[in-house]
Protein backbone atom coordinates (compact mmCIF):
# COMPACT_ATOMS: atom_id res chain seq x y z
CA UNK A 1 46.08 -31.58 45.68
CA UNK A 2 44.56 -34.71 42.72
CA UNK A 3 41.40 -34.03 44.14
CA UNK A 4 41.58 -30.58 44.03
CA UNK A 5 42.04 -30.37 40.67
CA UNK A 6 39.07 -33.06 39.55
CA UNK A 7 37.25 -30.45 40.86
CA UNK A 8 39.21 -27.53 38.95
CA UNK A 9 38.39 -29.45 35.83
CA UNK A 10 34.92 -30.07 37.07
CA UNK A 11 34.12 -27.03 36.93
CA UNK A 12 35.33 -26.27 33.75
CA UNK A 13 33.86 -28.11 31.99
CA UNK A 14 30.61 -27.21 33.79
CA UNK A 15 31.02 -23.90 32.83
CA UNK A 16 31.44 -24.84 29.49
CA UNK A 17 28.88 -26.71 28.45
CA UNK A 18 26.88 -23.74 29.76
CA UNK A 19 28.23 -21.20 27.87
CA UNK A 20 28.17 -24.12 24.88
CA UNK A 21 24.29 -23.91 25.73
CA UNK A 22 23.87 -20.53 25.91
CA UNK A 23 25.04 -19.82 22.45
CA UNK A 24 23.14 -22.47 21.06
CA UNK A 25 19.75 -20.82 22.58
CA UNK A 26 18.14 -19.10 19.87
CA UNK A 27 17.22 -16.03 19.38
CA UNK A 28 13.98 -15.01 20.34
CA UNK A 29 11.82 -12.77 17.86
CA UNK A 30 9.18 -10.67 17.46
CA UNK A 31 6.71 -12.10 14.67
CA UNK A 32 4.64 -9.44 12.26
CA UNK A 33 2.53 -11.11 9.09
CA UNK A 34 2.50 -9.80 5.79
CA UNK A 35 -0.61 -10.85 3.55
CA UNK A 36 0.56 -10.33 0.25
CA UNK A 37 -0.85 -11.23 -3.24
CA UNK A 38 2.66 -12.42 -4.92
CA UNK A 39 0.26 -14.23 -7.99
CA UNK A 40 -2.76 -13.16 -9.86
CA UNK A 41 -3.93 -9.66 -10.96
CA UNK A 42 -3.30 -7.89 -8.06
CA UNK A 43 0.63 -9.16 -7.75
CA UNK A 44 2.18 -5.91 -9.68
CA UNK A 45 1.17 -3.77 -6.63
CA UNK A 46 1.25 -5.77 -4.14
CA UNK A 47 4.47 -7.48 -4.88
CA UNK A 48 6.53 -4.15 -5.19
CA UNK A 49 4.63 -3.60 -1.22
CA UNK A 50 5.83 -6.96 -0.28
CA UNK A 51 9.70 -6.11 -1.31
CA UNK A 52 9.12 -2.82 0.57
CA UNK A 53 7.94 -4.40 3.21
CA UNK A 54 10.56 -7.34 3.65
CA UNK A 55 13.13 -4.18 3.24
CA UNK A 56 12.29 -2.27 6.56
CA UNK A 57 12.79 -6.11 8.36
CA UNK A 58 16.27 -6.09 7.03
CA UNK A 59 17.05 -2.64 8.41
CA UNK A 60 15.82 -3.06 11.80
CA UNK A 61 17.75 -6.56 12.14
CA UNK A 62 20.28 -4.76 10.64
CA UNK A 63 20.51 -2.39 13.48
CA UNK A 64 20.41 -5.24 16.41
CA UNK A 65 16.34 -5.47 15.84
CA UNK A 66 13.80 -4.21 18.67
CA UNK A 67 14.44 -4.72 22.67
CA UNK A 68 17.17 -6.69 22.13
CA UNK A 69 14.95 -8.81 19.70
CA UNK A 70 15.25 -10.10 16.18
CA UNK A 71 12.23 -9.17 13.81
CA UNK A 72 10.55 -12.00 11.62
CA UNK A 73 8.20 -11.22 8.63
CA UNK A 74 6.17 -14.36 8.03
CA UNK A 75 5.31 -13.99 4.34
CA UNK A 76 2.52 -15.04 2.47
CA UNK A 77 1.14 -15.32 -0.97
CA UNK A 78 -2.94 -14.43 -0.98
CA UNK A 79 -2.74 -15.39 -4.35
CA UNK A 80 -5.44 -12.62 -5.21
CA UNK A 81 -7.99 -14.71 -3.76
CA UNK A 82 -10.44 -13.50 -0.37
CA UNK A 83 -10.91 -17.43 0.30
CA UNK A 84 -7.14 -17.69 0.19
CA UNK A 85 -6.79 -14.41 2.25
CA UNK A 86 -8.46 -15.97 4.96
CA UNK A 87 -6.48 -18.73 4.86
CA UNK A 88 -3.32 -17.37 5.10
CA UNK A 89 -3.53 -15.74 8.19
CA UNK A 90 -4.94 -18.16 9.68
CA UNK A 91 -1.90 -19.97 8.37
CA UNK A 92 0.79 -17.35 10.17
CA UNK A 93 -1.31 -17.16 13.54
CA UNK A 94 -0.63 -21.88 13.25
CA UNK A 95 2.71 -20.86 12.55
CA UNK A 96 3.87 -18.20 14.66
CA UNK A 97 0.83 -17.77 17.43
CA UNK A 98 2.85 -14.85 19.46
CA UNK A 99 2.02 -12.53 15.51
CA UNK A 100 2.14 -9.04 16.76
CA UNK A 101 -0.26 -8.09 13.76
CA UNK A 102 -0.16 -7.96 10.54
CA UNK A 103 0.18 -5.41 7.40
CA UNK A 104 -0.35 -5.76 2.91
CA UNK A 105 -2.89 -5.63 -0.14
CA UNK A 106 -3.72 -3.28 -2.07
CA UNK A 107 -7.15 -3.61 -2.57
CA UNK A 108 -10.22 -3.10 -0.59
CA UNK A 109 -12.30 -6.29 -0.90
CA UNK A 110 -8.83 -8.29 -0.33
CA UNK A 111 -7.72 -6.14 2.73
CA UNK A 112 -11.65 -7.09 4.14
CA UNK A 113 -10.95 -10.58 3.98
CA UNK A 114 -7.46 -10.70 5.57
CA UNK A 115 -8.09 -7.97 8.16
CA UNK A 116 -11.50 -9.05 8.84
CA UNK A 117 -9.33 -12.55 9.92
CA UNK A 118 -7.37 -10.87 11.92
CA UNK A 119 -9.24 -8.95 13.91
CA UNK A 120 -11.43 -11.52 14.71
CA UNK A 121 -7.79 -13.23 16.44
CA UNK A 122 -7.74 -9.17 17.74
CA UNK A 123 -4.38 -8.68 15.74
CA UNK A 124 -4.16 -4.90 14.36
CA UNK A 125 -4.09 -5.16 10.37
CA UNK A 126 -2.34 -1.95 8.79
CA UNK A 127 -3.12 -1.73 5.01
CA UNK A 128 -0.54 -0.94 3.07
CA UNK A 129 -2.40 0.54 -0.31
CA UNK A 130 -6.40 -0.71 -0.38
CA UNK A 131 -7.65 3.04 0.02
CA UNK A 132 -11.53 2.90 0.58
CA UNK A 133 -12.36 5.31 3.53
CA UNK A 134 -14.70 3.35 4.54
CA UNK A 135 -12.71 0.21 5.53
CA UNK A 136 -11.84 1.74 9.26
CA UNK A 137 -16.03 1.50 9.66
CA UNK A 138 -16.24 -2.10 8.17
CA UNK A 139 -13.56 -3.13 10.40
CA UNK A 140 -13.32 -1.59 13.93
CA UNK A 141 -10.72 -1.19 15.94
CA UNK A 142 -8.00 -2.89 14.23
CA UNK A 143 -7.44 -1.73 10.60
CA UNK A 144 -5.53 1.63 10.10
CA UNK A 145 -4.34 2.36 6.62
CA UNK A 146 -1.20 3.72 5.82
CA UNK A 147 -1.80 5.27 2.53
CA UNK A 148 -4.81 8.23 1.86
CA UNK A 149 -8.68 7.46 1.19
CA UNK A 150 -10.11 7.58 -2.55
CA UNK A 151 -12.20 10.57 -1.50
CA UNK A 152 -8.72 12.16 -1.44
CA UNK A 153 -7.45 11.31 -4.41
CA UNK A 154 -10.33 11.25 -6.37
CA UNK A 155 -11.00 14.83 -5.54
CA UNK A 156 -7.42 15.68 -6.21
CA UNK A 157 -8.72 14.82 -10.05
CA UNK A 158 -11.48 16.59 -10.05
CA UNK A 159 -9.39 20.20 -8.99
CA UNK A 160 -6.65 19.02 -11.17
CA UNK A 161 -8.73 18.50 -13.74
CA UNK A 162 -10.47 21.56 -13.58
CA UNK A 163 -8.16 24.22 -12.85
CA UNK A 164 -4.99 22.71 -14.34
CA UNK A 165 -6.40 21.29 -17.35
CA UNK A 166 -9.33 23.56 -17.60
CA UNK A 167 -11.38 20.89 -18.49
CA UNK A 168 -15.33 21.06 -18.13
CA UNK A 169 -16.70 18.37 -19.44
CA UNK A 170 -16.03 14.56 -18.33
CA UNK A 171 -17.01 10.75 -19.94
CA UNK A 172 -16.77 8.42 -16.59
CA UNK A 173 -15.88 4.72 -17.31
CA UNK A 174 -15.43 2.33 -14.24
CA UNK A 175 -15.59 -1.53 -13.66
CA UNK A 176 -18.40 -2.23 -11.78
CA UNK A 177 -17.65 -5.43 -10.10
CA UNK A 178 -14.61 -4.21 -7.51
CA UNK A 179 -15.06 -1.87 -4.35
CA UNK A 180 -12.17 0.30 -5.58
CA UNK A 181 -13.31 1.32 -8.96
CA UNK A 182 -16.83 1.97 -7.62
CA UNK A 183 -15.96 4.44 -4.83
CA UNK A 184 -13.08 6.19 -7.05
CA UNK A 185 -15.44 7.24 -9.61
CA UNK A 186 -18.25 8.08 -7.23
CA UNK A 187 -15.81 10.68 -5.48
CA UNK A 188 -14.63 11.43 -8.36
CA UNK A 189 -18.03 12.72 -10.06
CA UNK A 190 -19.01 14.46 -6.73
CA UNK A 191 -16.24 16.84 -6.51
CA UNK A 192 -15.87 17.44 -10.17
CA UNK A 193 -19.70 18.33 -10.07
CA UNK A 194 -19.06 20.56 -6.76
CA UNK A 195 -16.21 22.41 -8.98
CA UNK A 196 -19.17 23.48 -11.90
CA UNK A 197 -18.15 19.88 -13.74
CA UNK A 198 -20.78 18.04 -16.17
CA UNK A 199 -20.51 14.62 -16.21
CA UNK A 200 -21.95 14.02 -19.97
CA UNK A 201 -21.62 9.47 -20.27
CA UNK A 202 -20.88 7.28 -17.33
CA UNK A 203 -20.34 3.65 -18.13
CA UNK A 204 -20.23 0.54 -16.13
CA UNK A 205 -18.27 -2.71 -17.15
CA UNK A 206 -17.62 -6.24 -15.98
CA UNK A 207 -15.27 -8.44 -17.31
CA UNK A 208 -15.89 -9.20 -20.97
CA UNK A 209 -17.88 -5.69 -22.19
CA UNK A 210 -15.31 -3.15 -21.41
CA UNK A 211 -15.24 -2.54 -24.90
CA UNK A 212 -19.32 -2.01 -25.19
CA UNK A 213 -19.08 0.59 -22.40
CA UNK A 214 -16.19 2.62 -23.85
CA UNK A 215 -18.10 2.74 -27.02
CA UNK A 216 -20.81 4.16 -25.68
CA UNK A 217 -19.34 6.94 -24.07
CA UNK A 218 -19.86 10.44 -24.74
CA UNK A 219 -16.53 12.57 -25.98
CA UNK A 220 -15.84 14.92 -23.66
CA UNK A 221 -13.07 17.74 -22.62
CA UNK A 222 -11.62 13.92 -20.81
CA UNK A 223 -12.63 10.39 -19.52
CA UNK A 224 -12.13 9.38 -16.19
CA UNK A 225 -10.90 6.16 -16.11
CA UNK A 226 -11.49 3.73 -12.58
CA UNK A 227 -9.90 0.73 -13.61
CA UNK A 228 -8.08 -2.55 -12.08
CA UNK A 229 -4.46 -2.66 -12.53
CA UNK A 230 -5.14 -5.91 -14.96
CA UNK A 231 -7.16 -3.35 -17.12
CA UNK A 232 -5.51 0.12 -17.26
CA UNK A 233 -3.50 -0.08 -20.67
CA UNK A 234 -5.55 -2.32 -22.32
CA UNK A 235 -8.91 0.42 -21.50
CA UNK A 236 -6.85 3.47 -22.37
CA UNK A 237 -5.59 1.14 -26.00
CA UNK A 238 -9.85 0.84 -26.78
CA UNK A 239 -10.57 4.08 -25.26
CA UNK A 240 -8.47 5.47 -28.15
CA UNK A 241 -9.31 2.93 -30.38
CA UNK A 242 -12.73 3.97 -30.29
CA UNK A 243 -12.17 7.40 -31.48
CA UNK A 244 -11.51 9.23 -28.14
CA UNK A 245 -8.07 11.65 -28.19
CA UNK A 246 -8.96 13.59 -25.00
CA UNK A 247 -7.05 12.93 -21.51
CA UNK A 248 -7.92 10.11 -19.44
CA UNK A 249 -7.37 10.52 -15.71
CA UNK A 250 -7.37 7.30 -13.36
CA UNK A 251 -6.24 6.63 -9.80
CA UNK A 252 -3.38 5.09 -8.24
CA UNK A 253 -3.95 1.04 -10.14
CA UNK A 254 -1.69 2.93 -13.15
CA UNK A 255 1.09 3.45 -10.93
CA UNK A 256 3.07 0.49 -12.71
CA UNK A 257 6.17 1.97 -14.23
CA UNK A 258 6.98 -1.18 -16.41
CA UNK A 259 3.71 -1.26 -18.21
CA UNK A 260 3.78 2.04 -20.07
CA UNK A 261 7.03 1.61 -22.17
CA UNK A 262 6.78 1.11 -25.37
CA UNK A 263 3.00 2.59 -25.03
CA UNK A 264 3.25 6.01 -26.61
CA UNK A 265 0.63 5.55 -28.72
CA UNK A 266 -2.01 6.29 -25.78
CA UNK A 267 -1.47 9.45 -25.66
CA UNK A 268 -2.13 12.07 -22.86
CA UNK A 269 -2.54 10.31 -19.56
CA UNK A 270 -2.46 11.56 -16.01
CA UNK A 271 -3.13 9.71 -12.73
CA UNK A 272 -3.08 10.37 -8.69
CA UNK A 273 -1.05 8.80 -6.77
CA UNK A 274 0.77 7.77 -3.52
CA UNK A 275 4.49 9.54 -4.10
CA UNK A 276 7.13 10.46 -6.67
CA UNK A 277 9.81 8.53 -6.18
CA UNK A 278 11.84 9.49 -8.74
CA UNK A 279 15.58 10.22 -8.90
CA UNK A 280 15.44 14.16 -8.64
CA UNK A 281 13.10 14.00 -5.51
CA UNK A 282 15.08 16.26 -3.51
CA UNK A 283 12.92 14.62 0.05
CA UNK A 284 16.33 12.79 2.14
CA UNK A 285 13.44 9.75 2.74
CA UNK A 286 12.98 9.39 -0.61
CA UNK A 287 16.87 9.43 -1.46
CA UNK A 288 17.56 6.82 0.99
CA UNK A 289 14.92 4.40 0.16
CA UNK A 290 15.32 4.61 -3.55
CA UNK A 291 19.12 3.84 -2.46
CA UNK A 292 18.21 1.38 -0.09
CA UNK A 293 15.49 -0.28 -2.14
CA UNK A 294 17.77 -0.62 -5.57
CA UNK A 295 20.60 -1.73 -3.11
CA UNK A 296 18.31 -4.92 -2.04
CA UNK A 297 17.17 -5.74 -5.02
CA UNK A 298 19.86 -5.61 -8.17
CA UNK A 299 18.99 -1.78 -9.40
CA UNK A 300 15.43 -2.67 -8.97
CA UNK A 301 13.45 1.13 -9.81
CA UNK A 302 11.06 1.52 -6.48
CA UNK A 303 7.15 2.72 -7.01
CA UNK A 304 4.51 4.41 -4.53
CA UNK A 305 3.54 1.14 -3.87
CA UNK A 306 6.97 -0.48 -2.87
CA UNK A 307 7.25 2.90 -0.54
CA UNK A 308 3.74 2.02 1.23
CA UNK A 309 4.68 -1.24 1.92
CA UNK A 310 7.81 -0.09 3.17
CA UNK A 311 6.21 2.50 5.76
CA UNK A 312 3.57 -0.16 6.80
CA UNK A 313 5.76 -1.53 7.88
CA UNK A 314 7.61 0.89 9.85
CA UNK A 315 4.50 2.35 11.45
CA UNK A 316 4.04 -1.23 12.74
CA UNK A 317 7.92 -1.05 14.13
CA UNK A 318 7.18 2.31 16.03
CA UNK A 319 4.45 0.82 17.54
CA UNK A 320 6.80 -2.14 18.91
CA UNK A 321 9.27 0.36 19.74
CA UNK A 322 6.87 2.51 22.08
CA UNK A 323 4.43 0.19 23.72
CA UNK A 324 5.82 -0.83 27.03
CA UNK A 325 4.50 -4.22 26.52
CA UNK A 326 5.09 -6.67 23.58
CA UNK A 327 1.80 -8.05 23.33
CA UNK A 328 -1.14 -7.48 20.38
CA UNK A 329 -3.28 -5.38 22.71
CA UNK A 330 -0.51 -3.19 23.56
CA UNK A 331 0.96 -2.22 20.08
CA UNK A 332 -3.10 -1.68 18.87
CA UNK A 333 -3.55 1.00 21.22
CA UNK A 334 0.56 2.38 20.95
CA UNK A 335 -0.36 2.45 16.68
CA UNK A 336 -3.46 4.25 17.58
CA UNK A 337 -1.12 7.26 19.16
CA UNK A 338 1.40 7.62 16.75
CA UNK A 339 1.84 11.26 15.42
CA UNK A 340 4.32 12.52 13.23
CA UNK A 341 5.68 9.50 11.56
CA UNK A 342 7.63 10.86 8.98
CA UNK A 343 7.41 7.80 5.82
CA UNK A 344 8.57 7.97 2.32
CA UNK A 345 4.83 8.89 1.54
CA UNK A 346 4.41 11.44 3.86
CA UNK A 347 3.47 12.35 7.20
CA UNK A 348 1.59 10.23 9.12
CA UNK A 349 -0.72 10.70 12.30
CA UNK A 350 -3.11 8.34 13.60
CA UNK A 351 -6.15 9.55 16.16
CA UNK A 352 -8.71 8.18 18.30
CA UNK A 353 -11.47 8.83 15.60
CA UNK A 354 -9.71 8.35 12.72
CA UNK A 355 -7.41 5.77 11.56
CA UNK A 356 -6.52 7.37 7.89
CA UNK A 357 -4.10 9.87 7.83
CA UNK A 358 -4.08 12.67 6.27
CA UNK A 359 -1.51 13.03 3.34
CA UNK A 360 -0.96 14.90 -0.09
CA UNK A 361 -1.80 13.41 -3.25
CA UNK A 362 0.88 12.89 -6.15
CA UNK A 363 -0.37 14.12 -9.82
CA UNK A 364 1.47 11.88 -12.65
CA UNK A 365 1.32 11.80 -16.14
CA UNK A 366 2.51 9.73 -18.42
CA UNK A 367 4.69 10.40 -21.17
CA UNK A 368 7.45 9.26 -23.30
CA UNK A 369 6.36 6.42 -21.99
CA UNK A 370 7.35 6.67 -18.41
CA UNK A 371 5.53 8.03 -15.21
CA UNK A 372 6.48 11.72 -14.75
CA UNK A 373 5.98 13.45 -11.51
CA UNK A 374 3.20 17.05 -12.02
CA UNK A 375 2.75 18.05 -8.83
CA UNK A 376 2.25 17.27 -4.76
CA UNK A 377 -1.24 18.66 -3.92
CA UNK A 378 -3.44 18.71 -1.14
CA UNK A 379 -7.44 19.01 -2.16
CA UNK A 380 -9.05 21.72 -1.62
CA UNK A 381 -12.06 20.03 -0.42
CA UNK A 382 -12.72 15.91 0.07
CA UNK A 383 -16.19 14.55 -0.48
CA UNK A 384 -17.37 12.24 2.63
CA UNK A 385 -16.75 9.00 2.84
């Protein structure tokens, strides 16, 4: 009897020890890399995008993760420096060699650096906000866009200016140092002239000579100003100081709600962007995102770049859910087959010959120091990349 009691106690202790060991084993995680410029001049676009990405991960984990595994987002600051961006991709893979894929960034030149290194390591990269339609060809197979191309938003701006504003002449001012701004003005001119519009002047600037380019411009029905985020408001102020009172139109780099506060002197300004995130947008997806984002970030209002970061992450999550294997190769293949993904910024589908989704463009106006919705459009004709 005594021996039987000792045996039972021993078995109980072994069982307890096994259960304790099982409880202390770490939960397996699925790792994604997020490369965003959390500092430097691109931070104004990338910080909201990074918050949207983190929200998507949080929501997935709150509902049990994927395939009984939690998600981990390794978020790195690229510091708006191409060398740093490459190093941060390498850093993620060193910390987590099983990383399935990457997402991030809002500028073409920045994406080329980071996504190029991801492709070198056979990892997919979804850019949430870099809009060059040339990107998938520059990084074959591995680079996808969650956003529309610059040729699409530029065409929408040209058609709006010509058709809705009745403009027939334009003066173009653009930053010649960045791929985004060079492509944007090029596509805009192609579509505006195709409609019958006339370009009266075209002036490029680099750092330090913005004022000279603006002063050398010709008065026209409106000014198309293709600028990086940090130059948007200062450049428009220089346009007004130079005596040009006609409307200014630009691209999605203008989508920074906070910078327009206190800027009533800038006059009539319009821009193209990815989605309208206002409280009066009736879209259930937009409303659900607004509520979740506000709750997670202390009442902060999301912009289109926050929604793009959220959608890019959700696309990777969907690819993981649908894949037969949790491997980088399987995720890459599954992502390219996604159809009809209903994101906050619109419906997204990919095809074997096109890794840029066909999406509508939102036209916004800066009115009373805030961004105001004008319309959502699909351009009738889009210049070739």
